[in-house]
Amino acid sequence: MSRDKQPFRALLDTATAGDEWRSQAAALLEPLREYDSAHSGDLVQTLAVYFQLGGNASRTAERLFLHRNGLLYRLSRIEEILGAPLDDAEVRMALELALRERGGKKP
């Protein structure tokens, strides 16, 4: 069963509108951006692709041309840097919304 995504997108657009939201989203991802900048890393992109592919590690590793263990290491680093587990639903939702705010860039 396929359903029109427009109502879902409209809710997300409404929920992520405003300067306060943008500021909080940027602050949430800032530790990863700093790490990426300092280490020529791709943690933000890794996280975006991981979420885009529904948290499927094998497909994410394939898409990013990584060995699965390399991807798992990156995900572990993300959790360590953020101080939050990616298997927590609230953490995932907040990060997915923050990634949505980073300019609508597709991974």
N, C-alpha and C. Protein backbone atom coordinates (compact mmCIF):
# COMPACT_ATOMS: atom_id res chain seq x y z
N MET A 1 0.85 -1.17 0.00
CA MET A 1 0.00 0.00 0.00
C MET A 1 0.90 1.24 0.00
N SER A 2 0.74 2.06 -1.01
CA SER A 2 1.50 3.30 -1.11
C SER A 2 0.62 4.46 -0.70
N ARG A 3 1.22 5.39 0.02
CA ARG A 3 0.45 6.52 0.51
C ARG A 3 1.17 7.80 0.13
N ASP A 4 0.41 8.84 -0.11
CA ASP A 4 0.98 10.14 -0.43
C ASP A 4 1.82 10.64 0.74
N LYS A 5 3.05 11.03 0.46
CA LYS A 5 3.96 11.49 1.51
C LYS A 5 3.76 12.95 1.89
N GLN A 6 2.97 13.68 1.13
CA GLN A 6 2.82 15.12 1.35
C GLN A 6 2.42 15.49 2.79
N PRO A 7 1.43 14.81 3.40
CA PRO A 7 1.08 15.18 4.78
C PRO A 7 2.24 14.98 5.76
N PHE A 8 3.04 13.96 5.51
CA PHE A 8 4.18 13.70 6.39
C PHE A 8 5.24 14.78 6.22
N ARG A 9 5.52 15.12 4.98
CA ARG A 9 6.49 16.18 4.71
C ARG A 9 6.02 17.51 5.28
N ALA A 10 4.73 17.79 5.16
CA ALA A 10 4.18 19.05 5.69
C ALA A 10 4.37 19.13 7.20
N LEU A 11 4.12 18.04 7.89
CA LEU A 11 4.32 18.02 9.34
C LEU A 11 5.79 18.25 9.68
N LEU A 12 6.69 17.58 8.99
CA LEU A 12 8.12 17.76 9.23
C LEU A 12 8.55 19.18 8.95
N ASP A 13 8.06 19.75 7.87
CA ASP A 13 8.42 21.13 7.54
C ASP A 13 7.94 22.09 8.62
N THR A 14 6.75 21.87 9.13
CA THR A 14 6.21 22.72 10.20
C THR A 14 7.01 22.55 11.49
N ALA A 15 7.33 21.30 11.80
CA ALA A 15 8.05 21.02 13.05
C ALA A 15 9.47 21.58 13.03
N THR A 16 10.05 21.71 11.85
CA THR A 16 11.44 22.14 11.75
C THR A 16 11.58 23.57 11.27
N ALA A 17 10.53 24.35 11.41
CA ALA A 17 10.57 25.75 10.98
C ALA A 17 11.04 26.64 12.12
N GLY A 18 11.68 27.73 11.79
CA GLY A 18 12.05 28.72 12.78
C GLY A 18 13.52 28.75 13.13
N ASP A 19 13.95 29.90 13.59
CA ASP A 19 15.36 30.11 13.91
C ASP A 19 15.81 29.29 15.11
N GLU A 20 14.94 29.15 16.12
CA GLU A 20 15.32 28.37 17.31
C GLU A 20 15.59 26.92 16.93
N TRP A 21 14.74 26.37 16.07
CA TRP A 21 14.93 25.00 15.62
C TRP A 21 16.26 24.85 14.89
N ARG A 22 16.54 25.78 13.98
CA ARG A 22 17.80 25.71 13.22
C ARG A 22 19.01 25.76 14.14
N SER A 23 18.93 26.60 15.13
CA SER A 23 20.02 26.74 16.09
C SER A 23 20.24 25.45 16.87
N GLN A 24 19.15 24.84 17.33
CA GLN A 24 19.26 23.59 18.09
C GLN A 24 19.76 22.45 17.21
N ALA A 25 19.31 22.40 15.97
CA ALA A 25 19.75 21.36 15.05
C ALA A 25 21.25 21.48 14.78
N ALA A 26 21.69 22.71 14.55
CA ALA A 26 23.12 22.95 14.30
C ALA A 26 23.95 22.57 15.51
N ALA A 27 23.47 22.92 16.70
CA ALA A 27 24.20 22.61 17.93
C ALA A 27 24.31 21.10 18.15
N LEU A 28 23.25 20.38 17.80
CA LEU A 28 23.25 18.93 17.98
C LEU A 28 24.30 18.26 17.11
N LEU A 29 24.46 18.74 15.89
CA LEU A 29 25.42 18.13 14.96
C LEU A 29 26.82 18.72 15.04
N GLU A 30 26.97 19.82 15.75
CA GLU A 30 28.27 20.51 15.80
C GLU A 30 29.44 19.62 16.23
N PRO A 31 29.29 18.77 17.26
CA PRO A 31 30.43 17.92 17.63
C PRO A 31 30.89 17.01 16.49
N LEU A 32 29.95 16.53 15.70
CA LEU A 32 30.32 15.69 14.55
C LEU A 32 30.99 16.52 13.46
N ARG A 33 30.48 17.71 13.23
CA ARG A 33 31.10 18.59 12.23
C ARG A 33 32.52 18.96 12.64
N GLU A 34 32.70 19.25 13.91
CA GLU A 34 34.04 19.58 14.40
C GLU A 34 34.99 18.40 14.22
N TYR A 35 34.52 17.21 14.54
CA TYR A 35 35.34 16.02 14.36
C TYR A 35 35.69 15.84 12.88
N ASP A 36 34.68 15.96 12.03
CA ASP A 36 34.92 15.81 10.59
C ASP A 36 35.95 16.82 10.09
N SER A 37 35.84 18.04 10.55
CA SER A 37 36.76 19.09 10.13
C SER A 37 38.18 18.81 10.61
N ALA A 38 38.31 18.40 11.85
CA ALA A 38 39.63 18.16 12.44
C ALA A 38 40.30 16.89 11.90
N HIS A 39 39.51 15.91 11.48
CA HIS A 39 40.06 14.62 11.08
C HIS A 39 39.77 14.26 9.62
N SER A 40 39.34 15.24 8.84
CA SER A 40 38.95 14.97 7.45
C SER A 40 38.01 13.78 7.39
N GLY A 41 37.04 13.78 8.29
CA GLY A 41 36.12 12.66 8.40
C GLY A 41 34.82 12.87 7.66
N ASP A 42 33.99 11.86 7.72
CA ASP A 42 32.68 11.87 7.06
C ASP A 42 31.59 11.35 7.98
N LEU A 43 31.66 11.69 9.26
CA LEU A 43 30.68 11.15 10.20
C LEU A 43 29.28 11.68 9.96
N VAL A 44 29.15 12.95 9.62
CA VAL A 44 27.83 13.51 9.36
C VAL A 44 27.21 12.83 8.15
N GLN A 45 27.97 12.69 7.10
CA GLN A 45 27.49 12.02 5.89
C GLN A 45 27.17 10.55 6.17
N THR A 46 28.01 9.90 6.95
CA THR A 46 27.77 8.50 7.31
C THR A 46 26.44 8.36 8.02
N LEU A 47 26.20 9.23 8.98
CA LEU A 47 24.95 9.19 9.74
C LEU A 47 23.75 9.45 8.84
N ALA A 48 23.87 10.40 7.93
CA ALA A 48 22.77 10.72 7.02
C ALA A 48 22.42 9.52 6.14
N VAL A 49 23.43 8.88 5.59
CA VAL A 49 23.18 7.72 4.73
C VAL A 49 22.61 6.56 5.55
N TYR A 50 23.14 6.36 6.74
CA TYR A 50 22.66 5.30 7.63
C TYR A 50 21.17 5.46 7.91
N PHE A 51 20.74 6.67 8.21
CA PHE A 51 19.33 6.92 8.46
C PHE A 51 18.50 6.81 7.17
N GLN A 52 19.05 7.31 6.08
CA GLN A 52 18.33 7.23 4.80
C GLN A 52 18.03 5.78 4.44
N LEU A 53 18.94 4.88 4.80
CA LEU A 53 18.78 3.47 4.48
C LEU A 53 18.17 2.68 5.63
N GLY A 54 17.48 3.37 6.51
CA GLY A 54 16.73 2.71 7.57
C GLY A 54 17.57 2.02 8.62
N GLY A 55 18.79 2.50 8.83
CA GLY A 55 19.65 1.89 9.83
C GLY A 55 20.23 0.55 9.42
N ASN A 56 20.21 0.26 8.14
CA ASN A 56 20.75 -1.00 7.64
C ASN A 56 22.26 -0.84 7.43
N ALA A 57 23.03 -1.46 8.33
CA ALA A 57 24.49 -1.29 8.30
C ALA A 57 25.12 -1.86 7.03
N SER A 58 24.65 -3.00 6.59
CA SER A 58 25.24 -3.61 5.40
C SER A 58 25.02 -2.74 4.16
N ARG A 59 23.80 -2.26 3.98
CA ARG A 59 23.51 -1.41 2.82
C ARG A 59 24.25 -0.08 2.92
N THR A 60 24.36 0.46 4.13
CA THR A 60 25.07 1.72 4.32
C THR A 60 26.54 1.56 3.98
N ALA A 61 27.15 0.50 4.47
CA ALA A 61 28.56 0.24 4.16
C ALA A 61 28.76 0.11 2.66
N GLU A 62 27.86 -0.59 2.02
CA GLU A 62 27.95 -0.76 0.56
C GLU A 62 27.83 0.58 -0.15
N ARG A 63 26.87 1.39 0.25
CA ARG A 63 26.65 2.70 -0.39
C ARG A 63 27.87 3.61 -0.20
N LEU A 64 28.51 3.51 0.97
CA LEU A 64 29.66 4.38 1.27
C LEU A 64 30.99 3.75 0.86
N PHE A 65 30.93 2.58 0.22
CA PHE A 65 32.14 1.88 -0.21
C PHE A 65 33.07 1.59 0.97
N LEU A 66 32.47 1.12 2.05
CA LEU A 66 33.21 0.76 3.26
C LEU A 66 33.04 -0.72 3.55
N HIS A 67 34.01 -1.29 4.27
CA HIS A 67 33.81 -2.60 4.85
C HIS A 67 32.81 -2.41 5.98
N ARG A 68 31.96 -3.39 6.23
CA ARG A 68 30.94 -3.27 7.27
C ARG A 68 31.56 -2.93 8.63
N ASN A 69 32.71 -3.51 8.94
CA ASN A 69 33.37 -3.21 10.21
C ASN A 69 33.81 -1.75 10.28
N GLY A 70 34.21 -1.19 9.15
CA GLY A 70 34.57 0.23 9.11
C GLY A 70 33.37 1.11 9.41
N LEU A 71 32.21 0.72 8.87
CA LEU A 71 30.99 1.46 9.16
C LEU A 71 30.63 1.35 10.64
N LEU A 72 30.71 0.14 11.18
CA LEU A 72 30.38 -0.05 12.59
C LEU A 72 31.30 0.78 13.49
N TYR A 73 32.56 0.89 13.09
CA TYR A 73 33.49 1.74 13.84
C TYR A 73 33.02 3.20 13.79
N ARG A 74 32.65 3.67 12.60
CA ARG A 74 32.18 5.05 12.49
C ARG A 74 30.94 5.29 13.35
N LEU A 75 30.01 4.36 13.32
CA LEU A 75 28.79 4.51 14.13
C LEU A 75 29.13 4.54 15.62
N SER A 76 30.09 3.73 16.01
CA SER A 76 30.54 3.74 17.40
C SER A 76 31.17 5.08 17.77
N ARG A 77 31.96 5.64 16.87
CA ARG A 77 32.57 6.96 17.10
C ARG A 77 31.50 8.03 17.21
N ILE A 78 30.48 7.95 16.38
CA ILE A 78 29.37 8.91 16.44
C ILE A 78 28.71 8.86 17.80
N GLU A 79 28.43 7.65 18.28
CA GLU A 79 27.82 7.51 19.60
C GLU A 79 28.73 8.07 20.69
N GLU A 80 30.00 7.79 20.58
CA GLU A 80 30.97 8.27 21.57
C GLU A 80 31.05 9.80 21.57
N ILE A 81 31.14 10.38 20.40
CA ILE A 81 31.26 11.84 20.28
C ILE A 81 30.00 12.53 20.78
N LEU A 82 28.84 11.99 20.43
CA LEU A 82 27.57 12.61 20.84
C LEU A 82 27.18 12.24 22.27
N GLY A 83 27.76 11.17 22.79
CA GLY A 83 27.40 10.72 24.14
C GLY A 83 25.98 10.18 24.19
N ALA A 84 25.53 9.59 23.08
CA ALA A 84 24.17 9.10 23.00
C ALA A 84 24.12 7.87 22.09
N PRO A 85 23.30 6.88 22.46
CA PRO A 85 23.20 5.66 21.65
C PRO A 85 22.28 5.83 20.45
N LEU A 86 22.70 5.32 19.31
CA LEU A 86 21.90 5.42 18.10
C LEU A 86 20.72 4.45 18.11
N ASP A 87 20.68 3.52 19.07
CA ASP A 87 19.54 2.62 19.14
C ASP A 87 18.41 3.17 20.01
N ASP A 88 18.57 4.40 20.50
CA ASP A 88 17.52 5.08 21.25
C ASP A 88 16.63 5.84 20.27
N ALA A 89 15.34 5.57 20.30
CA ALA A 89 14.41 6.16 19.33
C ALA A 89 14.40 7.68 19.36
N GLU A 90 14.46 8.29 20.55
CA GLU A 90 14.45 9.75 20.64
C GLU A 90 15.73 10.34 20.08
N VAL A 91 16.84 9.69 20.32
CA VAL A 91 18.12 10.15 19.78
C VAL A 91 18.08 10.10 18.26
N ARG A 92 17.62 8.97 17.72
CA ARG A 92 17.53 8.83 16.26
C ARG A 92 16.62 9.89 15.66
N MET A 93 15.47 10.10 16.27
CA MET A 93 14.53 11.08 15.72
C MET A 93 15.13 12.47 15.73
N ALA A 94 15.75 12.85 16.84
CA ALA A 94 16.35 14.18 16.93
C ALA A 94 17.46 14.34 15.89
N LEU A 95 18.29 13.32 15.74
CA LEU A 95 19.38 13.40 14.77
C LEU A 95 18.86 13.43 13.33
N GLU A 96 17.84 12.64 13.05
CA GLU A 96 17.27 12.66 11.70
C GLU A 96 16.69 14.02 11.38
N LEU A 97 16.02 14.63 12.33
CA LEU A 97 15.47 15.97 12.11
C LEU A 97 16.58 17.00 11.96
N ALA A 98 17.62 16.87 12.77
CA ALA A 98 18.75 17.80 12.66
C ALA A 98 19.44 17.66 11.30
N LEU A 99 19.58 16.45 10.82
CA LEU A 99 20.17 16.23 9.51
C LEU A 99 19.28 16.78 8.41
N ARG A 100 17.99 16.73 8.60
CA ARG A 100 17.06 17.32 7.63
C ARG A 100 17.28 18.80 7.53
N GLU A 101 17.63 19.43 8.63
CA GLU A 101 17.82 20.88 8.68
C GLU A 101 19.13 21.30 8.02
N ARG A 102 20.03 20.41 7.84
CA ARG A 102 21.35 20.83 7.32
C ARG A 102 21.31 21.29 5.89
N GLY A 103 20.14 21.67 5.45
CA GLY A 103 20.03 22.27 4.14
C GLY A 103 19.31 21.41 3.13
N GLY A 104 18.67 20.35 3.61
CA GLY A 104 17.93 19.50 2.69
C GLY A 104 18.82 18.72 1.76
N LYS A 105 20.10 18.61 2.09
CA LYS A 105 21.04 17.89 1.24
C LYS A 105 20.72 16.39 1.30
N LYS A 106 20.69 15.79 0.15
CA LYS A 106 20.47 14.35 0.08
C LYS A 106 21.81 13.65 0.23
N PRO A 107 21.86 12.60 1.06
CA PRO A 107 23.11 11.86 1.21
C PRO A 107 23.48 11.13 -0.06
